[in-house]
Structures are given as structure tokens and as C-alpha cells.
Amino acid sequence: MNMPSTKSPDAALLSDAEDPVFLSPRDFKPEESVGYMMRRIVNYVAQEVEREMEPHGLTEAQWKPLLRLYLRQAGTVAELARCCVMDAGSMTRLLDRMEAKGLLARVRSSEDRRVVNIVLTPEGERAGEQIPEILSRVQNRVLRGFSEDEYRALQGFLRRIFDNVQTAQPDNA
């Protein structure tokens, strides 16, 4: 017995054998799309973080590498540029400004004289210590009303979307 297809004709055009079709051109509403909703959320969270960082004198461009340095996730210009998705030249200019503010210092490596390590000053350590608190506060505010299970499920869904996006990239090396 043949069952009728539940997919719309538009959906059949868009799908390939393994991809589910949740949206079609006929009933597409941008405000209900995953990308649109995620962009709005990212914009809102960024505005909230910026508002909370302002009293600490940190811009978005500054707090991101400062956090990586504070968490010991990066220690050179190249590592920071990769983590913060910036080119090395832009990162160098940003670090110049942060060094002028007294947040960090450049120290030549004793093992390899070609390598210059970026280290936080005591003032940079104090500023860096504030960042996880601010980010946690903003994240908790946007997650208000979620149960622990819902939060974990949301993390899983977002990881799955991220994995799907990564595998869709032409050079996902």
C-alpha cells in the first residue's frame, strides 16, 4: 500500500535523500527561521555583555582576547588571532592598545627567541577575573525559566546545529 507523501512539492525540490525538510519557500517566515532567531539572540547577548563590560573599561574587541589570556587558552599573537577569529595584524594593533592600557605585556620566550608571549599584568589579571562573572550573569539571565534538563538539551541541540554547519563548510579542516 502506497502512503501519500507528507512533504509539500516545494519541500521535495529542496530535500536530498538524508536531509529533513522543515521549511519551504512557500511558507518561509524569516522571523521563524533558526538563523534569524540565533542572530537576534547573539545580538541581544552581545549588547548585554557590552553594557556590563563598559564600567570595567573593556570593549568587545578587548575582553575576548583578555578572557583567552586569563583562562590560559592562548599566549601568542597567532594563538589569540585564531581564537578570536582575527588576522594577526589586527590582533597586534589591538594588543598595542591593551598594552598601553596596562592590561598585558609582551615577553620574549626564553626557549625560542622568535616567539613573543603575551602575559597579563596584575591589572589585566584583575580585569580578566571579572569577565567570567559577567558572561555567566548575562547567560543566566537569558536562560531564565529553563530547567537543568532543558538547558542541557538546548546545549545538545546547539552542538548538533554547529556540527551540521561545520560539516557543510567546503574546507572544514
Protein backbone atom coordinates (compact mmCIF):
# COMPACT_ATOMS: atom_id res chain seq x y z
CA MET A 1 0.00 0.00 0.00
CA ASN A 2 1.43 3.38 -1.04
CA MET A 3 1.20 6.11 1.57
CA PRO A 4 0.87 9.66 0.26
CA SER A 5 3.87 11.89 0.84
CA THR A 6 3.52 14.37 3.67
CA LYS A 7 6.11 16.68 2.12
CA SER A 8 4.96 19.64 0.08
CA PRO A 9 6.03 19.87 -3.58
CA ASP A 10 8.38 22.72 -2.61
CA ALA A 11 9.94 20.57 0.08
CA ALA A 12 10.60 17.77 -2.39
CA LEU A 13 12.57 20.18 -4.56
CA LEU A 14 14.78 21.25 -1.67
CA SER A 15 15.48 17.99 0.06
CA ASP A 16 18.04 15.40 -0.70
CA ALA A 17 17.82 11.81 0.47
CA GLU A 18 19.06 12.32 4.02
CA ASP A 19 18.07 15.87 4.97
CA PRO A 20 14.75 16.55 6.67
CA VAL A 21 12.78 19.47 5.32
CA PHE A 22 11.29 21.76 7.94
CA LEU A 23 10.93 24.88 5.80
CA SER A 24 9.82 25.50 2.26
CA PRO A 25 9.83 28.63 0.08
CA ARG A 26 6.04 28.71 0.09
CA ASP A 27 5.65 29.12 3.87
CA PHE A 28 9.05 30.58 4.78
CA LYS A 29 8.91 33.25 7.50
CA PRO A 30 12.32 34.76 8.28
CA GLU A 31 11.39 35.55 11.89
CA GLU A 32 10.78 31.84 12.49
CA SER A 33 13.98 30.59 10.87
CA VAL A 34 16.74 29.18 13.06
CA GLY A 35 19.35 31.54 11.61
CA TYR A 36 17.23 34.63 12.20
CA MET A 37 16.39 33.67 15.77
CA MET A 38 20.01 32.80 16.55
CA ARG A 39 21.23 36.11 15.08
CA ARG A 40 18.75 38.07 17.22
CA ILE A 41 19.81 36.17 20.32
CA VAL A 42 23.51 36.72 19.56
CA ASN A 43 22.90 40.45 19.01
CA TYR A 44 20.96 40.77 22.27
CA VAL A 45 23.55 38.86 24.29
CA ALA A 46 26.37 40.93 22.74
CA GLN A 47 24.57 44.16 23.70
CA GLU A 48 24.06 42.94 27.26
CA VAL A 49 27.70 41.86 27.58
CA GLU A 50 28.87 45.19 26.17
CA ARG A 51 26.68 47.06 28.66
CA GLU A 52 28.12 45.03 31.56
CA MET A 53 31.74 45.38 30.35
CA GLU A 54 31.54 49.15 29.92
CA PRO A 55 32.04 50.02 33.62
CA HIS A 56 35.22 47.90 33.51
CA GLY A 57 36.52 49.86 30.52
CA LEU A 58 36.52 46.84 28.22
CA THR A 59 35.28 46.76 24.64
CA GLU A 60 34.14 43.58 22.90
CA ALA A 61 37.39 43.53 20.94
CA GLN A 62 39.37 43.73 24.20
CA TRP A 63 37.53 41.37 26.52
CA LYS A 64 37.68 38.41 24.13
CA PRO A 65 41.49 38.10 23.95
CA LEU A 66 41.72 39.15 27.60
CA LEU A 67 39.49 36.20 28.54
CA ARG A 68 41.61 33.78 26.46
CA LEU A 69 44.75 35.05 28.18
CA TYR A 70 43.11 34.88 31.62
CA LEU A 71 41.96 31.28 31.01
CA ARG A 72 45.44 30.41 29.64
CA GLN A 73 43.89 29.27 26.34
CA ALA A 74 46.27 31.37 24.25
CA GLY A 75 49.56 33.12 24.82
CA THR A 76 50.86 34.44 21.49
CA VAL A 77 49.56 36.85 18.87
CA ALA A 78 48.91 33.97 16.45
CA GLU A 79 47.01 31.90 19.05
CA LEU A 80 44.91 34.88 20.11
CA ALA A 81 44.16 35.79 16.49
CA ARG A 82 42.95 32.23 15.82
CA CYS A 83 40.83 32.09 19.00
CA CYS A 84 39.27 35.49 18.35
CA VAL A 85 38.88 34.97 14.59
CA MET A 86 41.04 37.96 13.65
CA ASP A 87 44.02 38.40 11.41
CA ALA A 88 47.40 38.70 13.13
CA GLY A 89 47.89 42.33 12.08
CA SER A 90 44.58 43.43 13.61
CA MET A 91 45.34 41.43 16.75
CA THR A 92 48.77 43.09 17.05
CA ARG A 93 47.19 46.57 16.84
CA LEU A 94 44.57 45.59 19.43
CA LEU A 95 47.25 44.23 21.76
CA ASP A 96 49.18 47.51 21.34
CA ARG A 97 46.15 49.38 22.70
CA MET A 98 45.67 46.87 25.53
CA GLU A 99 49.35 47.09 26.43
CA ALA A 100 49.05 50.91 26.55
CA LYS A 101 46.13 50.45 29.00
CA GLY A 102 48.41 48.36 31.22
CA LEU A 103 46.46 45.11 30.77
CA LEU A 104 49.22 42.99 29.23
CA ALA A 105 52.89 42.82 28.38
CA ARG A 106 54.91 41.14 25.67
CA VAL A 107 57.67 38.84 26.86
CA ARG A 108 60.17 37.17 24.53
CA SER A 109 60.28 33.38 25.00
CA SER A 110 63.42 32.06 26.67
CA GLU A 111 63.13 28.78 24.68
CA ASP A 112 62.64 30.35 21.24
CA ARG A 113 63.71 33.96 20.78
CA ARG A 114 61.41 34.27 17.73
CA VAL A 115 58.32 33.75 19.92
CA VAL A 116 56.81 36.63 21.86
CA ASN A 117 54.44 35.56 24.62
CA ILE A 118 51.58 37.77 25.73
CA VAL A 119 51.12 37.85 29.52
CA LEU A 120 48.61 39.64 31.67
CA THR A 121 49.77 42.30 34.08
CA PRO A 122 48.28 42.30 37.60
CA GLU A 123 45.74 44.85 36.30
CA GLY A 124 44.97 42.55 33.36
CA GLU A 125 44.51 39.59 35.74
CA ARG A 126 42.02 41.63 37.80
CA ALA A 127 40.13 42.67 34.66
CA GLY A 128 40.19 39.11 33.32
CA GLU A 129 38.78 37.78 36.58
CA GLN A 130 35.64 39.90 36.04
CA ILE A 131 34.88 38.53 32.58
CA PRO A 132 33.64 35.01 33.50
CA GLU A 133 31.42 36.57 36.18
CA ILE A 134 29.88 38.99 33.68
CA LEU A 135 29.42 36.36 30.98
CA SER A 136 27.86 33.93 33.46
CA ARG A 137 25.47 36.59 34.73
CA VAL A 138 24.33 37.50 31.19
CA GLN A 139 23.99 33.85 30.15
CA ASN A 140 21.99 33.01 33.27
CA ARG A 141 19.71 35.97 32.60
CA VAL A 142 18.92 34.82 29.06
CA LEU A 143 18.34 31.26 30.31
CA ARG A 144 15.87 32.36 32.98
CA GLY A 145 13.00 29.89 33.26
CA PHE A 146 14.88 26.91 31.83
CA SER A 147 15.20 23.74 33.86
CA GLU A 148 18.57 21.98 34.12
CA ASP A 149 17.33 19.31 31.68
CA GLU A 150 16.10 21.93 29.21
CA TYR A 151 19.45 23.73 29.42
CA ARG A 152 21.36 20.50 28.72
CA ALA A 153 19.01 19.66 25.85
CA LEU A 154 19.47 23.14 24.37
CA GLN A 155 23.26 22.72 24.56
CA GLY A 156 22.94 19.42 22.72
CA PHE A 157 20.72 20.92 20.02
CA LEU A 158 23.09 23.83 19.50
CA ARG A 159 26.09 21.48 19.30
CA ARG A 160 24.25 19.44 16.68
CA ILE A 161 23.45 22.56 14.63
CA PHE A 162 27.10 23.64 14.94
CA ASP A 163 28.29 20.20 13.82
CA ASN A 164 25.90 20.34 10.85
CA VAL A 165 27.21 23.78 9.90
CA GLN A 166 30.83 22.63 10.25
CA THR A 167 30.32 19.58 8.03
CA ALA A 168 28.56 21.75 5.43
CA GLN A 169 31.64 24.00 5.10
CA PRO A 170 33.68 23.32 1.93
CA ASP A 171 37.00 23.31 3.76
CA ASN A 172 36.09 22.12 7.24
CA ALA A 173 39.63 21.06 8.07
